[in-house]
Amino acid sequence: MSAHLAYALAWAAFALGHSGLALPAVKRRLRPWLGRRYRLAYNIVAVLQVALVMAVGGFALGDRPAFALPGWLAAGMGVVHLVGWGLLLWAARFYDLGRLGGLAQLRGESEDEGLRLDGPHAYVRHPLYAAGFLILWGGAFNPLGLATAVWGSLYLLLGTWAEERKLVALYGGAYLDYRARVPALLPWRGRVPPPG
């Protein structure tokens, strides 16, 4: 099996497992067993899955040399990478990280935190995914980085699609209005103030 195919299959297994565990039918079956620990368990499994994917990538492609990039391109990619991390850190400030990680649910709090329209959400609907794209493509300096950017981007696109469906089901017309005004990933409209 080729190194690229092995890495692609590892990403596919992660995508199926991670997305499968988020399906409502799977949640309904696991909740009686896991209860309030579901979200925390989901995140622990995700971290283990990503670690396995990265291990497969490192084993399959980690020994490949870096691309011979012109200095201006390498510098630009480095800037994109850093901007991605900056966006990720900024966006994280607008989420309840205890709720996102599953710790708030252990205290009996609701899983959903409400529709966010402020901070980075006034520019794009999915700031964490936008940051992910920047981090991935800014780090594509070698075959492993490029393969990670390709497969990670595909996963983020599928995740964006699934997240959109979930948010429409959760927030209905309020989310549809937000979606009509604010772009998903590229802030081409600039800051879009909330209605009213």
Protein backbone atom coordinates (compact mmCIF):
# COMPACT_ATOMS: atom_id res chain seq x y z
CA MET A 1 0.00 0.00 0.00
CA SER A 2 1.36 3.42 -0.87
CA ALA A 3 2.20 5.90 1.87
CA HIS A 4 -0.32 8.44 0.57
CA LEU A 5 -3.09 5.83 0.41
CA ALA A 6 -2.38 4.71 3.98
CA TYR A 7 -2.58 8.30 5.19
CA ALA A 8 -5.76 8.96 3.20
CA LEU A 9 -7.36 5.84 4.70
CA ALA A 10 -6.38 6.99 8.19
CA TRP A 11 -8.11 10.33 7.56
CA ALA A 12 -11.17 8.55 6.14
CA ALA A 13 -11.37 6.32 9.22
CA PHE A 14 -11.14 9.39 11.45
CA ALA A 15 -13.84 11.21 9.47
CA LEU A 16 -16.20 8.24 9.61
CA GLY A 17 -15.60 7.60 13.29
CA HIS A 18 -15.74 11.21 14.41
CA SER A 19 -18.79 12.07 12.31
CA GLY A 20 -20.47 8.77 13.13
CA LEU A 21 -20.23 9.41 16.86
CA ALA A 22 -21.93 12.79 16.32
CA LEU A 23 -24.97 11.34 14.55
CA PRO A 24 -28.21 11.80 16.54
CA ALA A 25 -29.02 8.06 16.35
CA VAL A 26 -25.59 7.16 17.76
CA LYS A 27 -25.91 9.81 20.47
CA ARG A 28 -29.30 8.38 21.50
CA ARG A 29 -27.79 4.91 21.85
CA LEU A 30 -24.72 6.06 23.79
CA ARG A 31 -26.37 8.60 26.11
CA PRO A 32 -28.01 6.01 28.40
CA TRP A 33 -24.59 4.46 28.91
CA LEU A 34 -22.44 7.62 29.04
CA GLY A 35 -25.00 10.17 30.28
CA ARG A 36 -23.42 13.56 30.91
CA ARG A 37 -20.00 12.12 30.03
CA TYR A 38 -20.92 11.78 26.33
CA ARG A 39 -19.32 15.03 25.10
CA LEU A 40 -16.14 14.49 27.12
CA ALA A 41 -15.87 10.90 25.85
CA TYR A 42 -16.49 12.11 22.29
CA ASN A 43 -13.61 14.58 22.59
CA ILE A 44 -11.25 12.04 24.17
CA VAL A 45 -11.96 9.60 21.34
CA ALA A 46 -11.39 12.42 18.81
CA VAL A 47 -8.00 13.30 20.33
CA LEU A 48 -6.96 9.64 20.25
CA GLN A 49 -8.16 9.32 16.64
CA VAL A 50 -6.24 12.43 15.54
CA ALA A 51 -3.12 11.18 17.35
CA LEU A 52 -3.42 7.89 15.46
CA VAL A 53 -3.90 9.71 12.14
CA MET A 54 -0.82 11.87 12.83
CA ALA A 55 1.18 8.76 13.80
CA VAL A 56 0.22 7.06 10.53
CA GLY A 57 1.16 10.23 8.64
CA GLY A 58 4.48 10.52 10.42
CA PHE A 59 5.28 6.87 9.77
CA ALA A 60 4.15 6.98 6.12
CA LEU A 61 5.37 10.42 5.04
CA GLY A 62 7.43 11.89 7.87
CA ASP A 63 10.80 11.05 6.31
CA ARG A 64 10.13 13.01 3.10
CA PRO A 65 12.20 16.19 2.65
CA ALA A 66 10.69 19.66 2.67
CA PHE A 67 9.72 21.22 -0.65
CA ALA A 68 12.23 23.59 -2.26
CA LEU A 69 10.04 26.69 -1.96
CA PRO A 70 11.08 30.21 -2.91
CA GLY A 71 11.80 32.31 0.16
CA TRP A 72 8.82 34.62 -0.39
CA LEU A 73 6.43 31.65 -0.59
CA ALA A 74 7.84 29.97 2.51
CA ALA A 75 7.59 33.29 4.40
CA GLY A 76 4.02 33.83 3.18
CA MET A 77 3.02 30.33 4.26
CA GLY A 78 4.57 30.98 7.66
CA VAL A 79 2.49 34.14 8.01
CA VAL A 80 -0.68 32.27 6.97
CA HIS A 81 0.12 29.59 9.55
CA LEU A 82 0.59 32.17 12.32
CA VAL A 83 -2.57 34.07 11.33
CA GLY A 84 -4.45 30.77 11.56
CA TRP A 85 -3.21 30.20 15.10
CA GLY A 86 -4.06 33.79 16.00
CA LEU A 87 -7.59 33.38 14.65
CA LEU A 88 -7.96 30.09 16.53
CA LEU A 89 -6.92 31.69 19.82
CA TRP A 90 -9.16 34.72 19.24
CA ALA A 91 -12.14 32.56 18.27
CA ALA A 92 -11.63 30.27 21.26
CA ARG A 93 -12.28 33.26 23.54
CA PHE A 94 -15.87 33.40 22.24
CA TYR A 95 -16.70 29.78 23.06
CA ASP A 96 -17.46 28.21 26.40
CA LEU A 97 -14.48 25.85 26.32
CA GLY A 98 -15.84 23.86 29.26
CA ARG A 99 -19.01 23.21 27.29
CA LEU A 100 -17.12 22.53 24.05
CA GLY A 101 -14.81 20.09 25.82
CA GLY A 102 -17.57 18.36 27.75
CA LEU A 103 -16.66 19.46 31.28
CA ALA A 104 -19.69 21.75 31.72
CA GLN A 105 -22.01 18.84 30.95
CA LEU A 106 -20.46 16.90 33.85
CA ARG A 107 -21.82 19.70 36.08
CA GLY A 108 -25.27 19.28 34.54
CA GLU A 109 -25.15 22.24 32.15
CA SER A 110 -26.75 22.11 28.69
CA GLU A 111 -24.63 21.05 25.72
CA ASP A 112 -25.69 24.03 23.57
CA GLU A 113 -24.51 27.52 24.43
CA GLY A 114 -26.68 29.60 22.14
CA LEU A 115 -26.10 31.22 18.77
CA ARG A 116 -22.98 33.40 18.75
CA LEU A 117 -23.02 36.51 16.55
CA ASP A 118 -20.17 38.50 18.10
CA GLY A 119 -16.39 38.54 17.81
CA PRO A 120 -15.12 36.44 14.91
CA HIS A 121 -18.68 35.24 14.27
CA ALA A 122 -19.47 38.71 12.92
CA TYR A 123 -16.99 37.98 10.09
CA VAL A 124 -17.50 34.26 9.40
CA ARG A 125 -19.93 31.63 10.64
CA HIS A 126 -17.22 29.04 11.30
CA PRO A 127 -14.12 30.81 12.65
CA LEU A 128 -12.57 27.64 14.09
CA TYR A 129 -12.81 25.90 10.73
CA ALA A 130 -11.45 29.00 8.96
CA ALA A 131 -8.50 28.95 11.36
CA GLY A 132 -8.03 25.26 10.64
CA PHE A 133 -7.71 25.90 6.91
CA LEU A 134 -5.09 28.61 7.49
CA ILE A 135 -3.10 26.43 9.88
CA LEU A 136 -3.21 23.43 7.53
CA TRP A 137 -2.24 25.24 4.33
CA GLY A 138 0.30 27.46 6.04
CA GLY A 139 2.04 24.30 7.25
CA ALA A 140 2.17 22.51 3.89
CA PHE A 141 5.98 22.75 3.65
CA ASN A 142 6.59 19.06 2.91
CA PRO A 143 4.70 16.01 1.60
CA LEU A 144 3.26 15.22 5.04
CA GLY A 145 2.11 18.83 5.52
CA LEU A 146 0.59 18.95 2.04
CA ALA A 147 -1.23 15.63 2.47
CA THR A 148 -2.46 16.80 5.88
CA ALA A 149 -3.72 20.04 4.32
CA VAL A 150 -5.57 18.16 1.56
CA TRP A 151 -7.22 15.54 3.80
CA GLY A 152 -7.77 17.93 6.70
CA SER A 153 -9.42 20.45 4.36
CA LEU A 154 -11.72 17.81 2.97
CA TYR A 155 -12.71 16.88 6.50
CA LEU A 156 -13.27 20.55 7.43
CA LEU A 157 -15.50 21.05 4.37
CA LEU A 158 -17.58 18.02 5.31
CA GLY A 159 -17.63 19.20 8.92
CA THR A 160 -18.84 22.65 7.85
CA TRP A 161 -21.67 21.07 5.87
CA ALA A 162 -22.70 18.86 8.81
CA GLU A 163 -22.42 21.75 11.27
CA GLU A 164 -24.64 23.92 9.07
CA ARG A 165 -27.36 21.27 9.10
CA LYS A 166 -27.10 20.91 12.87
CA LEU A 167 -27.28 24.69 13.45
CA VAL A 168 -30.32 25.12 11.18
CA ALA A 169 -32.08 22.33 13.08
CA LEU A 170 -31.08 23.86 16.42
CA TYR A 171 -31.74 27.58 15.80
CA GLY A 172 -34.11 27.58 12.81
CA GLY A 173 -34.92 30.99 11.33
CA ALA A 174 -32.38 32.85 13.48
CA TYR A 175 -29.58 30.78 11.97
CA LEU A 176 -31.01 31.04 8.45
CA ASP A 177 -30.99 34.85 8.79
CA TYR A 178 -27.42 34.77 10.11
CA ARG A 179 -26.37 32.45 7.28
CA ALA A 180 -27.89 34.83 4.70
CA ARG A 181 -25.83 37.74 6.06
CA VAL A 182 -22.48 36.27 7.17
CA PRO A 183 -20.17 34.17 4.94
CA ALA A 184 -19.17 30.68 6.09
CA LEU A 185 -15.36 30.80 5.95
CA LEU A 186 -14.02 33.80 4.01
CA PRO A 187 -14.72 37.22 5.57
CA TRP A 188 -15.37 38.88 2.21
CA ARG A 189 -18.13 41.09 3.65
CA GLY A 190 -16.00 42.38 6.51
CA ARG A 191 -17.65 42.70 9.90
CA VAL A 192 -21.40 42.14 9.67
CA PRO A 193 -23.18 43.70 12.66
CA PRO A 194 -26.00 41.71 14.27
CA PRO A 195 -29.53 42.68 13.18
CA GLY A 196 -31.45 45.28 15.10
